[in-house]
Amino acid sequence: MSKYVLIKPLISEKSEQISEREGKYSFVVDKRANKIEIRKAVESMYNVSVEAVNTAIIPGKNKSRYTKTGIMRGMKSPYKKAVVTLAEGEVIDFFGEA
């Protein structure tokens, strides 16, 4: 179940700063998943205790690029993002450094 709810972790400069400072981790999740399912999926997959889950649906964006043959237009797909707050002292290691 957890591998269908959690699609991938969001790794960016902003999310790394928030995870180091506040213990919050960002994930791209299934659009149909609710907060309870996300909490259970993170707890079972990473063996941590979750304090809070905040979600947001990020809308799609129009994109275009210029090529030799002309302008190519497309769209970036919308997705659902979950920001998970862990208990004090808990850490998720995405890169296996420890």
N, C-alpha and C. Protein backbone atom coordinates (compact mmCIF):
# COMPACT_ATOMS: atom_id res chain seq x y z
N MET A 1 0.82 -1.20 0.00
CA MET A 1 0.00 0.00 0.00
C MET A 1 0.85 1.25 0.00
N SER A 2 1.92 1.27 0.82
CA SER A 2 2.72 2.49 0.96
C SER A 2 3.45 2.84 -0.32
N LYS A 3 3.81 1.83 -1.13
CA LYS A 3 4.52 2.16 -2.35
C LYS A 3 3.59 2.75 -3.40
N TYR A 4 2.28 2.60 -3.24
CA TYR A 4 1.34 3.21 -4.16
C TYR A 4 0.93 4.61 -3.73
N VAL A 5 1.02 4.91 -2.44
CA VAL A 5 0.66 6.23 -1.93
C VAL A 5 1.81 7.21 -2.15
N LEU A 6 3.01 6.83 -1.76
CA LEU A 6 4.19 7.69 -1.93
C LEU A 6 4.78 7.45 -3.31
N ILE A 7 4.83 8.48 -4.14
CA ILE A 7 5.39 8.33 -5.48
C ILE A 7 6.90 8.56 -5.45
N LYS A 8 7.34 9.69 -4.88
CA LYS A 8 8.77 9.97 -4.76
C LYS A 8 8.98 11.11 -3.77
N PRO A 9 10.16 11.19 -3.17
CA PRO A 9 10.46 12.34 -2.32
C PRO A 9 10.79 13.56 -3.18
N LEU A 10 10.39 14.72 -2.71
CA LEU A 10 10.73 15.97 -3.40
C LEU A 10 12.07 16.45 -2.85
N ILE A 11 13.07 16.50 -3.70
CA ILE A 11 14.39 16.91 -3.26
C ILE A 11 14.77 18.17 -4.02
N SER A 12 14.80 19.28 -3.31
CA SER A 12 15.20 20.57 -3.86
C SER A 12 15.95 21.34 -2.77
N GLU A 13 16.51 22.46 -3.13
CA GLU A 13 17.24 23.26 -2.13
C GLU A 13 16.31 23.68 -1.00
N LYS A 14 15.11 24.12 -1.34
CA LYS A 14 14.17 24.58 -0.33
C LYS A 14 13.74 23.44 0.60
N SER A 15 13.43 22.28 0.02
CA SER A 15 12.99 21.17 0.86
C SER A 15 14.13 20.64 1.74
N GLU A 16 15.35 20.68 1.25
CA GLU A 16 16.49 20.25 2.06
C GLU A 16 16.71 21.20 3.24
N GLN A 17 16.57 22.50 3.01
CA GLN A 17 16.72 23.47 4.11
C GLN A 17 15.64 23.27 5.17
N ILE A 18 14.40 23.04 4.73
CA ILE A 18 13.30 22.85 5.67
C ILE A 18 13.49 21.56 6.46
N SER A 19 13.99 20.51 5.81
CA SER A 19 14.19 19.24 6.52
C SER A 19 15.31 19.35 7.55
N GLU A 20 16.36 20.09 7.23
CA GLU A 20 17.46 20.26 8.19
C GLU A 20 17.06 21.14 9.36
N ARG A 21 16.32 22.21 9.10
CA ARG A 21 15.96 23.16 10.13
C ARG A 21 14.79 22.70 10.99
N GLU A 22 13.71 22.21 10.33
CA GLU A 22 12.46 21.98 11.04
C GLU A 22 12.03 20.52 11.11
N GLY A 23 12.74 19.63 10.45
CA GLY A 23 12.36 18.22 10.47
C GLY A 23 11.13 17.92 9.63
N LYS A 24 10.93 18.68 8.53
CA LYS A 24 9.80 18.47 7.63
C LYS A 24 10.33 17.93 6.30
N TYR A 25 9.66 16.91 5.78
CA TYR A 25 10.08 16.27 4.54
C TYR A 25 8.95 16.32 3.53
N SER A 26 9.29 16.55 2.25
CA SER A 26 8.29 16.70 1.20
C SER A 26 8.26 15.47 0.30
N PHE A 27 7.05 15.07 -0.10
CA PHE A 27 6.86 13.92 -0.97
C PHE A 27 5.83 14.26 -2.04
N VAL A 28 5.99 13.67 -3.22
CA VAL A 28 4.93 13.67 -4.22
C VAL A 28 4.10 12.43 -3.93
N VAL A 29 2.78 12.61 -3.77
CA VAL A 29 1.91 11.50 -3.38
C VAL A 29 0.80 11.34 -4.41
N ASP A 30 0.10 10.21 -4.31
CA ASP A 30 -1.04 9.95 -5.18
C ASP A 30 -2.13 10.97 -4.91
N LYS A 31 -2.78 11.47 -5.98
CA LYS A 31 -3.79 12.52 -5.81
C LYS A 31 -4.98 12.08 -4.97
N ARG A 32 -5.26 10.77 -4.94
CA ARG A 32 -6.43 10.27 -4.20
C ARG A 32 -6.11 9.97 -2.75
N ALA A 33 -4.84 10.04 -2.35
CA ALA A 33 -4.44 9.70 -0.98
C ALA A 33 -4.84 10.80 -0.01
N ASN A 34 -5.30 10.40 1.19
CA ASN A 34 -5.62 11.39 2.22
C ASN A 34 -4.49 11.43 3.25
N LYS A 35 -4.63 12.30 4.23
CA LYS A 35 -3.56 12.51 5.21
C LYS A 35 -3.30 11.28 6.06
N ILE A 36 -4.32 10.53 6.39
CA ILE A 36 -4.15 9.34 7.21
C ILE A 36 -3.35 8.28 6.45
N GLU A 37 -3.69 8.08 5.17
CA GLU A 37 -2.95 7.11 4.35
C GLU A 37 -1.50 7.53 4.17
N ILE A 38 -1.26 8.82 3.99
CA ILE A 38 0.10 9.32 3.81
C ILE A 38 0.91 9.09 5.09
N ARG A 39 0.30 9.38 6.25
CA ARG A 39 0.97 9.17 7.54
C ARG A 39 1.37 7.70 7.71
N LYS A 40 0.45 6.79 7.46
CA LYS A 40 0.73 5.36 7.60
C LYS A 40 1.81 4.90 6.62
N ALA A 41 1.79 5.43 5.40
CA ALA A 41 2.77 5.03 4.39
C ALA A 41 4.17 5.48 4.78
N VAL A 42 4.31 6.71 5.27
CA VAL A 42 5.63 7.21 5.67
C VAL A 42 6.13 6.45 6.89
N GLU A 43 5.27 6.22 7.86
CA GLU A 43 5.68 5.50 9.07
C GLU A 43 6.12 4.07 8.76
N SER A 44 5.41 3.39 7.86
CA SER A 44 5.77 2.01 7.55
C SER A 44 7.00 1.92 6.65
N MET A 45 7.16 2.86 5.72
CA MET A 45 8.28 2.78 4.78
C MET A 45 9.61 3.22 5.40
N TYR A 46 9.59 4.26 6.24
CA TYR A 46 10.83 4.82 6.78
C TYR A 46 11.04 4.53 8.27
N ASN A 47 10.11 3.85 8.93
CA ASN A 47 10.21 3.51 10.36
C ASN A 47 10.44 4.74 11.24
N VAL A 48 9.62 5.76 11.06
CA VAL A 48 9.67 6.98 11.85
C VAL A 48 8.27 7.25 12.39
N SER A 49 8.18 8.18 13.36
CA SER A 49 6.86 8.58 13.85
C SER A 49 6.53 9.97 13.31
N VAL A 50 5.35 10.10 12.74
CA VAL A 50 4.91 11.32 12.08
C VAL A 50 4.02 12.12 13.03
N GLU A 51 4.31 13.41 13.15
CA GLU A 51 3.47 14.28 13.99
C GLU A 51 2.36 14.93 13.20
N ALA A 52 2.66 15.42 11.98
CA ALA A 52 1.66 16.13 11.19
C ALA A 52 1.89 15.91 9.71
N VAL A 53 0.79 16.02 8.95
CA VAL A 53 0.86 15.92 7.49
C VAL A 53 0.09 17.09 6.91
N ASN A 54 0.74 17.87 6.05
CA ASN A 54 0.09 18.95 5.33
C ASN A 54 0.14 18.62 3.85
N THR A 55 -0.96 18.86 3.12
CA THR A 55 -1.01 18.53 1.71
C THR A 55 -1.37 19.76 0.88
N ALA A 56 -0.96 19.72 -0.38
CA ALA A 56 -1.29 20.78 -1.34
C ALA A 56 -1.33 20.17 -2.73
N ILE A 57 -2.31 20.60 -3.53
CA ILE A 57 -2.37 20.17 -4.92
C ILE A 57 -1.74 21.26 -5.76
N ILE A 58 -0.64 20.92 -6.43
CA ILE A 58 0.10 21.87 -7.24
C ILE A 58 -0.47 21.82 -8.65
N PRO A 59 -0.96 22.95 -9.19
CA PRO A 59 -1.56 22.92 -10.53
C PRO A 59 -0.52 22.75 -11.63
N GLY A 60 -0.96 22.26 -12.78
CA GLY A 60 -0.08 22.11 -13.93
C GLY A 60 0.29 23.46 -14.51
N LYS A 61 1.40 23.50 -15.22
CA LYS A 61 1.87 24.74 -15.81
C LYS A 61 2.09 24.55 -17.30
N ASN A 62 1.80 25.59 -18.08
CA ASN A 62 2.09 25.56 -19.51
C ASN A 62 3.57 25.81 -19.74
N LYS A 63 4.16 25.03 -20.60
CA LYS A 63 5.58 25.17 -20.91
C LYS A 63 5.74 25.27 -22.42
N SER A 64 6.76 26.02 -22.86
CA SER A 64 7.08 26.08 -24.28
C SER A 64 8.58 26.20 -24.43
N ARG A 65 9.09 25.67 -25.55
CA ARG A 65 10.51 25.79 -25.85
C ARG A 65 10.66 26.04 -27.33
N TYR A 66 11.74 26.68 -27.67
CA TYR A 66 12.01 27.06 -29.04
C TYR A 66 13.01 26.08 -29.65
N THR A 67 12.66 25.50 -30.79
CA THR A 67 13.52 24.55 -31.47
C THR A 67 13.75 25.02 -32.91
N LYS A 68 14.52 24.25 -33.66
CA LYS A 68 14.76 24.59 -35.07
C LYS A 68 13.48 24.57 -35.88
N THR A 69 12.58 23.66 -35.55
CA THR A 69 11.35 23.53 -36.33
C THR A 69 10.24 24.46 -35.85
N GLY A 70 10.44 25.18 -34.77
CA GLY A 70 9.43 26.11 -34.28
C GLY A 70 9.22 25.95 -32.79
N ILE A 71 8.11 26.49 -32.34
CA ILE A 71 7.79 26.48 -30.91
C ILE A 71 7.06 25.18 -30.57
N MET A 72 7.55 24.48 -29.56
CA MET A 72 6.87 23.28 -29.07
C MET A 72 6.18 23.65 -27.76
N ARG A 73 4.89 23.39 -27.71
CA ARG A 73 4.12 23.72 -26.51
C ARG A 73 3.67 22.43 -25.82
N GLY A 74 3.64 22.50 -24.52
CA GLY A 74 3.21 21.36 -23.74
C GLY A 74 2.74 21.81 -22.38
N MET A 75 2.56 20.85 -21.49
CA MET A 75 2.08 21.18 -20.16
C MET A 75 2.75 20.27 -19.14
N LYS A 76 3.14 20.85 -18.01
CA LYS A 76 3.66 20.07 -16.89
C LYS A 76 2.48 19.58 -16.08
N SER A 77 2.45 18.32 -15.75
CA SER A 77 1.30 17.71 -15.09
C SER A 77 1.11 18.24 -13.66
N PRO A 78 -0.15 18.33 -13.21
CA PRO A 78 -0.40 18.69 -11.81
C PRO A 78 -0.08 17.49 -10.91
N TYR A 79 0.23 17.77 -9.64
CA TYR A 79 0.53 16.70 -8.69
C TYR A 79 0.15 17.14 -7.29
N LYS A 80 0.11 16.17 -6.38
CA LYS A 80 -0.20 16.45 -4.98
C LYS A 80 1.07 16.33 -4.17
N LYS A 81 1.32 17.32 -3.33
CA LYS A 81 2.52 17.35 -2.50
C LYS A 81 2.12 17.22 -1.04
N ALA A 82 2.89 16.43 -0.29
CA ALA A 82 2.66 16.28 1.14
C ALA A 82 3.92 16.69 1.88
N VAL A 83 3.76 17.53 2.90
CA VAL A 83 4.86 17.93 3.77
C VAL A 83 4.62 17.24 5.11
N VAL A 84 5.54 16.35 5.47
CA VAL A 84 5.40 15.51 6.65
C VAL A 84 6.32 16.03 7.74
N THR A 85 5.77 16.31 8.93
CA THR A 85 6.56 16.73 10.07
C THR A 85 6.82 15.52 10.95
N LEU A 86 8.09 15.25 11.23
CA LEU A 86 8.47 14.11 12.05
C LEU A 86 8.60 14.51 13.51
N ALA A 87 8.61 13.52 14.39
CA ALA A 87 8.80 13.76 15.82
C ALA A 87 10.22 14.27 16.06
N GLU A 88 10.42 14.88 17.20
CA GLU A 88 11.72 15.46 17.56
C GLU A 88 12.81 14.40 17.55
N GLY A 89 13.90 14.66 16.85
CA GLY A 89 15.03 13.75 16.80
C GLY A 89 14.96 12.69 15.71
N GLU A 90 13.85 12.59 14.99
CA GLU A 90 13.71 11.60 13.90
C GLU A 90 14.25 12.19 12.60
N VAL A 91 14.87 11.32 11.78
CA VAL A 91 15.46 11.77 10.52
C VAL A 91 15.18 10.73 9.46
N ILE A 92 14.90 11.18 8.23
CA ILE A 92 14.80 10.29 7.07
C ILE A 92 16.04 10.52 6.23
N ASP A 93 16.78 9.45 5.92
CA ASP A 93 17.99 9.56 5.13
C ASP A 93 17.70 9.05 3.72
N PHE A 94 17.49 9.98 2.76
CA PHE A 94 17.18 9.60 1.38
C PHE A 94 18.42 9.11 0.64
N PHE A 95 19.60 9.56 1.01
CA PHE A 95 20.80 9.28 0.24
C PHE A 95 21.65 8.17 0.83
N GLY A 96 21.32 7.62 1.97
CA GLY A 96 22.06 6.52 2.56
C GLY A 96 23.46 6.90 3.01
N GLU A 97 23.61 8.10 3.59
CA GLU A 97 24.93 8.60 4.00
C GLU A 97 25.36 8.08 5.37
N ALA A 98 24.42 7.64 6.19
CA ALA A 98 24.76 7.24 7.56
C ALA A 98 25.21 5.84 7.68
